[in-house]
Amino acid sequence: MKFENKLKEEVLELLDNSENKSEAILEAIEKMNEAKYGDLIHELKEQAERAESDKDYAKSLNLRVLSKEEKAFYEKLKNVKQSFTGEQEDTIPTSIIDVTLENVKKASGVLKLVRFTPADVKKWISAEKSGTYVWGELYDNIDGEISAKIKSLNIELSKLTAYLAIPKAIRDLGLPFVDRYFTAILEETLNDGAEYGYLQGNGKTEPIGIYKMIEEVNTDATHKDKTVDTTITCFSPKVLAPVKVALSNNGLRALDKIYLICNPEDRANYVDPAMLDREGRNICSYKNLEVIECANNPKGKAAFTIDQKYDMGFSGFKVNEYKETKAMEDVDLIIAKAYANGRPVDDNTAFVFDVTKLEEYIPTIKTMAETQGA
């Protein structure tokens, strides 16, 4: 924490005292980049040096075999000043985006719940099936009516922007190592952006988050917050009943598993004390409940939700040089922009509640006299 505060002070001082604001912005980003990714840069440099003389070690790194299109993109990335300009945009190959999104989904506890569309899709159908059924003779007319609540997800509605600093130490490495660095930085940006959009997106310039209403909007066109339930005080069957009814969409879908998403601080203060006994055993009445902590979840609120009932897509990833800055020799800054969107299949895919209302679990201890009397 002290290191982070010192870095912030250095960056603010740099921005305040510099006469050339454009160059100061780039230097500030470079400082933050080195502080945040210094270990990754050092690790990749060491791996690249050893891989040159040790073929067995190179195989153990499991570097991706790059396609012709990917190689061409990374060749441009190694010479940003000549390949990109502030006016020109270049498309990131969809294969890179698909690999990155797959890694993001594996790494994020929250985003494993999301259905991601392929990177080159611009429109997607978001639907929840419902319907009736009819038994009859084998050759009877089919009387059962199958319906679906279908919504079109326009993936090009919102835009996610990432600033990527490419240090010279990385540009000097082989293309597979440039790929590993680029996708690692892109993964982190997509992770934070997608998690925030999935949870808190305002539905206007961002995806519709699970904490928002799908159809109800404010006067500024952002989507209204869901009502925060204040009756969830423990995890007993009676208290959890309205949660399960809502998530089942009033009985229209079965619940295999329920997830509780909360901020890490709230998990420590409220969720774990209400869910675990003094020996750390789970006392929740619904055993198939998994807690997911996420820093992008707002403090004070939590959500019960279900799997694969939220659609999200990214399309049209493009990069160009950050034209507002003056390029320096040891680092280049590019902007990566992606059109993106997301939405739940319905408002009942998440049940929002006040997590601070949870009460600590205190086991009931009966005396011998009470047991005999009963």
Protein backbone atom coordinates (compact mmCIF):
# COMPACT_ATOMS: atom_id res chain seq x y z
CA MET A 1 0.00 0.00 0.00
CA LYS A 2 2.86 2.40 0.83
CA PHE A 3 4.44 1.60 -2.53
CA GLU A 4 1.16 2.36 -4.35
CA ASN A 5 0.77 5.69 -2.52
CA LYS A 6 4.36 6.64 -3.35
CA LEU A 7 3.78 5.81 -7.02
CA LYS A 8 0.61 7.94 -7.08
CA GLU A 9 2.52 10.84 -5.53
CA GLU A 10 5.29 10.55 -8.14
CA VAL A 11 2.79 10.45 -11.00
CA LEU A 12 0.83 13.46 -9.70
CA GLU A 13 4.05 15.42 -9.18
CA LEU A 14 5.16 14.57 -12.71
CA LEU A 15 1.86 15.74 -14.20
CA ASP A 16 1.71 18.92 -12.10
CA ASN A 17 5.29 20.08 -12.73
CA SER A 18 5.78 19.17 -16.37
CA GLU A 19 5.57 21.90 -19.01
CA ASN A 20 4.87 19.33 -21.74
CA LYS A 21 1.64 17.68 -20.58
CA SER A 22 1.51 15.23 -23.48
CA GLU A 23 4.95 13.83 -22.72
CA ALA A 24 4.16 13.84 -18.99
CA ILE A 25 1.08 11.68 -19.57
CA LEU A 26 3.14 9.11 -21.46
CA GLU A 27 5.88 9.11 -18.80
CA ALA A 28 3.24 8.65 -16.08
CA ILE A 29 1.72 5.68 -17.90
CA GLU A 30 5.19 4.22 -18.40
CA LYS A 31 5.90 4.50 -14.66
CA MET A 32 2.65 2.77 -13.77
CA ASN A 33 3.24 0.15 -16.45
CA GLU A 34 6.72 -0.70 -15.14
CA ALA A 35 5.48 -0.83 -11.55
CA LYS A 36 2.55 -3.06 -12.44
CA TYR A 37 4.10 -5.32 -15.08
CA GLY A 38 7.80 -5.15 -14.23
CA ASP A 39 7.86 -8.78 -13.05
CA LEU A 40 6.09 -9.93 -16.24
CA ILE A 41 8.52 -8.02 -18.46
CA HIS A 42 11.52 -9.44 -16.58
CA GLU A 43 10.10 -12.98 -16.71
CA LEU A 44 9.46 -12.86 -20.46
CA LYS A 45 12.94 -11.51 -21.16
CA GLU A 46 14.51 -14.36 -19.17
CA GLN A 47 12.30 -16.94 -20.88
CA ALA A 48 13.17 -15.61 -24.34
CA GLU A 49 16.92 -15.67 -23.64
CA ARG A 50 16.85 -19.23 -22.30
CA ALA A 51 14.54 -20.47 -25.08
CA GLU A 52 17.08 -19.41 -27.74
CA SER A 53 19.57 -22.05 -26.57
CA ASP A 54 17.29 -24.65 -24.97
CA LYS A 55 14.75 -26.20 -27.35
CA ASP A 56 13.21 -28.45 -24.69
CA TYR A 57 12.66 -25.44 -22.44
CA ALA A 58 11.11 -23.52 -25.35
CA LYS A 59 8.62 -26.37 -25.88
CA SER A 60 7.73 -26.38 -22.17
CA LEU A 61 6.62 -22.73 -22.39
CA ASN A 62 3.66 -23.75 -24.59
CA LEU A 63 3.90 -20.58 -26.66
CA ARG A 64 1.12 -20.17 -29.18
CA VAL A 65 1.80 -20.99 -32.83
CA LEU A 66 0.86 -17.72 -34.48
CA SER A 67 -1.12 -17.49 -37.70
CA LYS A 68 0.02 -15.41 -40.65
CA GLU A 69 -2.48 -12.70 -39.71
CA GLU A 70 -1.31 -12.66 -36.09
CA LYS A 71 2.35 -12.44 -37.10
CA ALA A 72 1.61 -9.49 -39.38
CA PHE A 73 -0.21 -7.70 -36.54
CA TYR A 74 2.62 -8.21 -34.04
CA GLU A 75 5.23 -7.09 -36.59
CA LYS A 76 3.34 -3.79 -36.73
CA LEU A 77 3.16 -3.69 -32.95
CA LYS A 78 6.96 -3.98 -32.76
CA ASN A 79 7.27 -0.76 -34.77
CA VAL A 80 4.37 1.37 -33.58
CA LYS A 81 5.70 4.68 -34.87
CA GLN A 82 5.84 3.50 -38.47
CA SER A 83 2.85 1.13 -38.45
CA PHE A 84 0.19 3.12 -36.58
CA THR A 85 -0.80 6.76 -36.58
CA GLY A 86 -3.36 8.71 -34.60
CA GLU A 87 -5.62 8.81 -37.66
CA GLN A 88 -5.24 5.17 -38.74
CA GLU A 89 -6.86 2.22 -36.98
CA ASP A 90 -5.80 -1.38 -37.37
CA THR A 91 -7.92 -4.37 -36.40
CA ILE A 92 -6.71 -6.88 -33.82
CA PRO A 93 -7.17 -10.38 -35.29
CA THR A 94 -10.29 -12.05 -33.87
CA SER A 95 -8.27 -15.17 -33.04
CA ILE A 96 -6.27 -13.13 -30.50
CA ILE A 97 -9.48 -11.80 -28.95
CA ASP A 98 -11.07 -15.25 -28.71
CA VAL A 99 -7.98 -16.66 -26.96
CA THR A 100 -7.86 -13.68 -24.61
CA LEU A 101 -11.55 -13.91 -23.71
CA GLU A 102 -11.22 -17.63 -23.06
CA ASN A 103 -8.33 -16.97 -20.66
CA VAL A 104 -10.31 -14.20 -18.97
CA LYS A 105 -13.26 -16.52 -18.44
CA LYS A 106 -11.02 -19.18 -16.90
CA ALA A 107 -9.30 -16.70 -14.58
CA SER A 108 -12.34 -14.78 -13.34
CA GLY A 109 -14.73 -16.31 -10.84
CA VAL A 110 -17.45 -13.91 -11.99
CA LEU A 111 -17.00 -14.12 -15.76
CA LYS A 112 -17.26 -17.90 -15.79
CA LEU A 113 -20.99 -17.24 -15.39
CA VAL A 114 -21.14 -15.28 -18.67
CA ARG A 115 -21.88 -16.61 -22.17
CA PHE A 116 -19.38 -14.85 -24.47
CA THR A 117 -20.19 -14.50 -28.16
CA PRO A 118 -17.45 -15.05 -30.79
CA ALA A 119 -15.28 -11.97 -31.36
CA ASP A 120 -16.49 -11.25 -34.91
CA VAL A 121 -20.24 -11.32 -34.15
CA LYS A 122 -22.00 -7.94 -34.25
CA LYS A 123 -25.51 -9.02 -33.19
CA TRP A 124 -26.57 -11.82 -30.88
CA ILE A 125 -29.90 -13.27 -29.79
CA SER A 126 -30.37 -13.34 -26.03
CA ALA A 127 -33.24 -15.66 -25.09
CA GLU A 128 -34.75 -17.69 -22.28
CA LYS A 129 -36.89 -20.60 -23.47
CA SER A 130 -40.29 -21.23 -21.93
CA GLY A 131 -43.36 -23.06 -23.12
CA THR A 132 -45.94 -25.81 -22.71
CA TYR A 133 -46.04 -29.46 -23.57
CA VAL A 134 -48.70 -31.93 -24.75
CA TRP A 135 -48.77 -35.73 -24.53
CA GLY A 136 -50.52 -37.59 -27.35
CA GLU A 137 -50.40 -40.39 -29.85
CA LEU A 138 -47.25 -40.81 -31.92
CA TYR A 139 -48.82 -39.34 -35.08
CA ASP A 140 -50.95 -36.64 -33.40
CA ASN A 141 -50.54 -33.05 -34.45
CA ILE A 142 -48.05 -31.19 -32.32
CA ASP A 143 -50.13 -29.00 -30.03
CA GLY A 144 -47.37 -27.91 -27.70
CA GLU A 145 -46.42 -24.29 -28.18
CA ILE A 146 -42.77 -23.46 -27.62
CA SER A 147 -42.01 -19.81 -27.09
CA ALA A 148 -38.93 -17.80 -26.26
CA LYS A 149 -38.39 -14.34 -24.87
CA ILE A 150 -36.07 -13.09 -27.59
CA LYS A 151 -34.02 -9.92 -27.37
CA SER A 152 -31.44 -8.75 -29.89
CA LEU A 153 -28.10 -7.86 -28.31
CA ASN A 154 -26.42 -5.14 -30.36
CA ILE A 155 -22.77 -5.73 -29.53
CA GLU A 156 -21.64 -2.50 -31.22
CA LEU A 157 -23.64 -0.31 -28.83
CA SER A 158 -20.95 0.47 -26.24
CA LYS A 159 -17.19 0.94 -26.38
CA LEU A 160 -14.39 -0.29 -24.11
CA THR A 161 -11.07 1.56 -24.34
CA ALA A 162 -7.71 0.30 -23.09
CA TYR A 163 -4.34 2.08 -23.03
CA LEU A 164 -1.49 -0.34 -23.72
CA ALA A 165 2.12 0.67 -23.17
CA ILE A 166 4.53 -1.47 -25.20
CA PRO A 167 8.06 -1.19 -23.73
CA LYS A 168 11.13 -1.57 -25.96
CA ALA A 169 12.25 -4.57 -23.90
CA ILE A 170 9.18 -6.45 -25.12
CA ARG A 171 9.31 -5.20 -28.72
CA ASP A 172 12.84 -6.61 -29.03
CA LEU A 173 11.67 -10.16 -28.20
CA GLY A 174 10.38 -12.81 -30.60
CA LEU A 175 6.77 -12.56 -31.76
CA PRO A 176 5.45 -15.39 -29.52
CA PHE A 177 6.71 -13.46 -26.47
CA VAL A 178 5.20 -10.21 -27.78
CA ASP A 179 1.96 -12.18 -28.08
CA ARG A 180 2.20 -13.41 -24.50
CA TYR A 181 2.79 -9.89 -23.18
CA PHE A 182 0.08 -8.28 -25.32
CA THR A 183 -2.59 -10.84 -24.42
CA ALA A 184 -1.66 -10.72 -20.71
CA ILE A 185 -2.18 -6.94 -20.58
CA LEU A 186 -5.31 -7.15 -22.71
CA GLU A 187 -6.66 -9.91 -20.45
CA GLU A 188 -6.40 -7.70 -17.38
CA THR A 189 -8.15 -4.80 -19.09
CA LEU A 190 -10.93 -6.99 -20.46
CA ASN A 191 -11.30 -8.70 -17.09
CA ASP A 192 -11.87 -5.47 -15.18
CA GLY A 193 -14.02 -3.92 -17.91
CA ALA A 194 -16.15 -7.04 -18.39
CA GLU A 195 -16.59 -7.66 -14.66
CA TYR A 196 -17.70 -4.07 -14.08
CA GLY A 197 -20.06 -4.18 -17.06
CA TYR A 198 -21.56 -7.51 -15.97
CA LEU A 199 -22.18 -6.26 -12.45
CA GLN A 200 -22.75 -2.49 -12.60
CA GLY A 201 -23.02 -1.49 -16.27
CA ASN A 202 -25.44 1.42 -16.70
CA GLY A 203 -27.04 0.11 -19.90
CA LYS A 204 -26.52 3.40 -21.74
CA THR A 205 -22.81 3.56 -22.60
CA GLU A 206 -22.08 0.23 -20.93
CA PRO A 207 -23.65 -3.24 -20.79
CA ILE A 208 -26.74 -3.74 -18.61
CA GLY A 209 -25.38 -5.02 -15.29
CA ILE A 210 -27.17 -7.57 -13.13
CA TYR A 211 -27.71 -4.84 -10.53
CA LYS A 212 -29.81 -2.88 -13.07
CA MET A 213 -33.34 -3.30 -14.47
CA ILE A 214 -33.55 -4.35 -18.11
CA GLU A 215 -36.61 -2.36 -19.21
CA GLU A 216 -36.77 0.50 -16.68
CA VAL A 217 -34.60 3.57 -17.39
CA ASN A 218 -33.87 6.92 -15.76
CA THR A 219 -34.37 10.29 -17.43
CA ASP A 220 -30.70 10.26 -18.54
CA ALA A 221 -31.29 6.90 -20.33
CA THR A 222 -29.23 4.91 -17.82
CA HIS A 223 -31.00 1.87 -16.41
CA LYS A 224 -32.55 1.98 -12.96
CA ASP A 225 -31.06 0.13 -10.03
CA LYS A 226 -32.84 -2.98 -8.85
CA THR A 227 -34.58 -2.75 -5.48
CA VAL A 228 -32.22 -3.93 -2.77
CA ASP A 229 -33.86 -6.58 -0.58
CA THR A 230 -33.34 -6.12 3.18
CA THR A 231 -34.91 -9.35 4.47
CA ILE A 232 -31.95 -11.69 3.90
CA THR A 233 -30.44 -12.01 7.36
CA CYS A 234 -29.24 -15.62 7.25
CA PHE A 235 -29.13 -18.71 5.03
CA SER A 236 -32.03 -20.69 6.48
CA PRO A 237 -34.52 -22.43 4.13
CA LYS A 238 -37.31 -19.96 4.95
CA VAL A 239 -35.16 -16.89 4.39
CA LEU A 240 -33.71 -18.23 1.13
CA ALA A 241 -37.12 -19.24 -0.23
CA PRO A 242 -37.87 -15.91 -2.02
CA VAL A 243 -34.36 -15.97 -3.51
CA LYS A 244 -34.90 -19.42 -5.03
CA VAL A 245 -38.38 -18.51 -6.26
CA ALA A 246 -37.05 -15.40 -8.02
CA LEU A 247 -34.03 -17.14 -9.58
CA SER A 248 -36.26 -19.97 -10.81
CA ASN A 249 -38.25 -17.27 -12.64
CA ASN A 250 -41.30 -18.24 -10.58
CA GLY A 251 -40.84 -21.94 -11.26
CA LEU A 252 -40.08 -21.79 -15.00
CA ARG A 253 -36.49 -23.02 -14.67
CA ALA A 254 -34.73 -25.48 -12.39
CA LEU A 255 -31.88 -24.38 -10.14
CA ASP A 256 -28.80 -26.61 -10.26
CA LYS A 257 -26.57 -24.17 -8.44
CA ILE A 258 -26.75 -20.67 -6.98
CA TYR A 259 -23.87 -18.17 -6.82
CA LEU A 260 -23.48 -15.34 -4.32
CA ILE A 261 -21.34 -12.45 -5.63
CA CYS A 262 -20.00 -9.95 -3.11
CA ASN A 263 -17.13 -7.58 -2.43
CA PRO A 264 -14.14 -9.24 -0.65
CA GLU A 265 -14.55 -6.88 2.31
CA ASP A 266 -18.24 -7.78 2.68
CA ARG A 267 -17.42 -11.47 2.48
CA ALA A 268 -15.06 -11.14 5.42
CA ASN A 269 -17.41 -8.95 7.48
CA TYR A 270 -20.84 -10.43 6.73
CA VAL A 271 -21.03 -13.46 4.40
CA ASP A 272 -18.56 -15.83 6.04
CA PRO A 273 -19.73 -15.10 9.62
CA ALA A 274 -23.32 -15.86 8.56
CA MET A 275 -22.43 -18.96 6.54
CA LEU A 276 -19.74 -20.71 8.58
CA ASP A 277 -19.77 -22.14 12.09
CA ARG A 278 -16.90 -21.71 14.51
CA GLU A 279 -15.08 -24.69 13.00
CA GLY A 280 -15.40 -23.21 9.49
CA ARG A 281 -18.07 -25.66 8.34
CA ASN A 282 -20.73 -24.47 5.88
CA ILE A 283 -24.10 -24.26 7.65
CA CYS A 284 -26.04 -22.81 4.69
CA SER A 285 -29.33 -24.67 4.12
CA TYR A 286 -28.75 -24.65 0.36
CA LYS A 287 -25.58 -26.73 0.00
CA ASN A 288 -25.12 -26.06 -3.72
CA LEU A 289 -24.27 -22.40 -3.13
CA GLU A 290 -20.91 -20.94 -4.20
CA VAL A 291 -19.57 -17.61 -2.97
CA ILE A 292 -17.61 -15.50 -5.47
CA GLU A 293 -15.78 -12.44 -4.22
CA CYS A 294 -15.07 -9.67 -6.71
CA ALA A 295 -13.43 -6.27 -6.20
CA ASN A 296 -15.67 -4.80 -8.94
CA ASN A 297 -18.77 -5.64 -6.89
CA PRO A 298 -20.10 -2.59 -5.00
CA LYS A 299 -19.64 -2.65 -1.23
CA GLY A 300 -22.77 -3.05 0.86
CA LYS A 301 -24.67 -4.95 -1.84
CA ALA A 302 -24.50 -8.55 -2.99
CA ALA A 303 -26.34 -10.63 -5.55
CA PHE A 304 -27.55 -14.20 -5.76
CA THR A 305 -27.38 -15.30 -9.38
CA ILE A 306 -27.24 -18.31 -11.72
CA ASP A 307 -24.95 -19.57 -14.45
CA GLN A 308 -25.04 -18.87 -18.21
CA LYS A 309 -28.00 -16.47 -18.16
CA TYR A 310 -26.00 -13.40 -19.19
CA ASP A 311 -24.73 -12.74 -22.73
CA MET A 312 -21.73 -10.53 -23.50
CA GLY A 313 -19.86 -9.87 -26.70
CA PHE A 314 -16.87 -7.91 -28.00
CA SER A 315 -16.50 -6.94 -31.64
CA GLY A 316 -14.32 -4.77 -33.85
CA PHE A 317 -11.17 -4.55 -31.73
CA LYS A 318 -8.97 -1.82 -33.20
CA VAL A 319 -5.68 -0.20 -32.20
CA ASN A 320 -3.92 3.02 -33.07
CA GLU A 321 -1.17 5.18 -31.63
CA TYR A 322 -2.09 7.61 -28.89
CA LYS A 323 -1.68 10.78 -30.95
CA GLU A 324 -1.96 13.16 -27.97
CA THR A 325 1.44 12.09 -26.67
CA LYS A 326 4.95 12.57 -27.91
CA ALA A 327 6.48 9.15 -28.64
CA MET A 328 9.53 8.26 -26.56
CA GLU A 329 12.26 5.83 -27.58
CA ASP A 330 11.85 3.30 -24.76
CA VAL A 331 8.07 2.98 -24.78
CA ASP A 332 5.13 3.41 -27.16
CA LEU A 333 1.52 3.88 -26.20
CA ILE A 334 -1.37 2.55 -28.25
CA ILE A 335 -5.11 2.68 -27.70
CA ALA A 336 -7.18 -0.48 -28.07
CA LYS A 337 -10.90 0.08 -28.60
CA ALA A 338 -13.60 -2.54 -28.74
CA TYR A 339 -17.31 -2.37 -29.36
CA ALA A 340 -19.02 -4.39 -26.66
CA ASN A 341 -22.33 -5.02 -24.98
CA GLY A 342 -24.06 -7.40 -22.59
CA ARG A 343 -27.37 -8.09 -20.86
CA PRO A 344 -29.11 -10.70 -18.68
CA VAL A 345 -31.82 -12.85 -20.25
CA ASP A 346 -34.28 -11.44 -17.66
CA ASP A 347 -34.39 -9.47 -14.41
CA ASN A 348 -34.78 -12.64 -12.34
CA THR A 349 -31.30 -13.87 -13.17
CA ALA A 350 -30.04 -11.93 -10.14
CA PHE A 351 -31.52 -11.25 -6.69
CA VAL A 352 -29.94 -8.15 -5.11
CA PHE A 353 -29.82 -7.78 -1.33
CA ASP A 354 -28.25 -5.70 1.45
CA VAL A 355 -25.33 -7.86 2.52
CA THR A 356 -24.82 -5.84 5.72
CA LYS A 357 -28.09 -7.26 7.08
CA LEU A 358 -26.60 -10.74 7.37
CA GLU A 359 -26.28 -11.83 11.00
CA GLU A 360 -23.49 -13.90 12.46
CA TYR A 361 -24.36 -17.56 12.87
CA ILE A 362 -24.58 -18.50 16.55
CA PRO A 363 -25.24 -22.20 17.21
CA THR A 364 -28.12 -23.08 19.50
CA ILE A 365 -26.94 -25.01 22.55
CA LYS A 366 -29.59 -26.89 24.49
CA THR A 367 -29.12 -27.75 28.17
CA MET A 368 -29.79 -31.22 29.54
CA ALA A 369 -32.93 -29.98 31.27
CA GLU A 370 -34.31 -28.52 28.02
CA THR A 371 -33.63 -31.79 26.19
CA GLN A 372 -35.37 -33.88 28.88
CA GLY A 373 -38.30 -31.49 28.98
CA ALA A 374 -38.72 -31.71 25.21
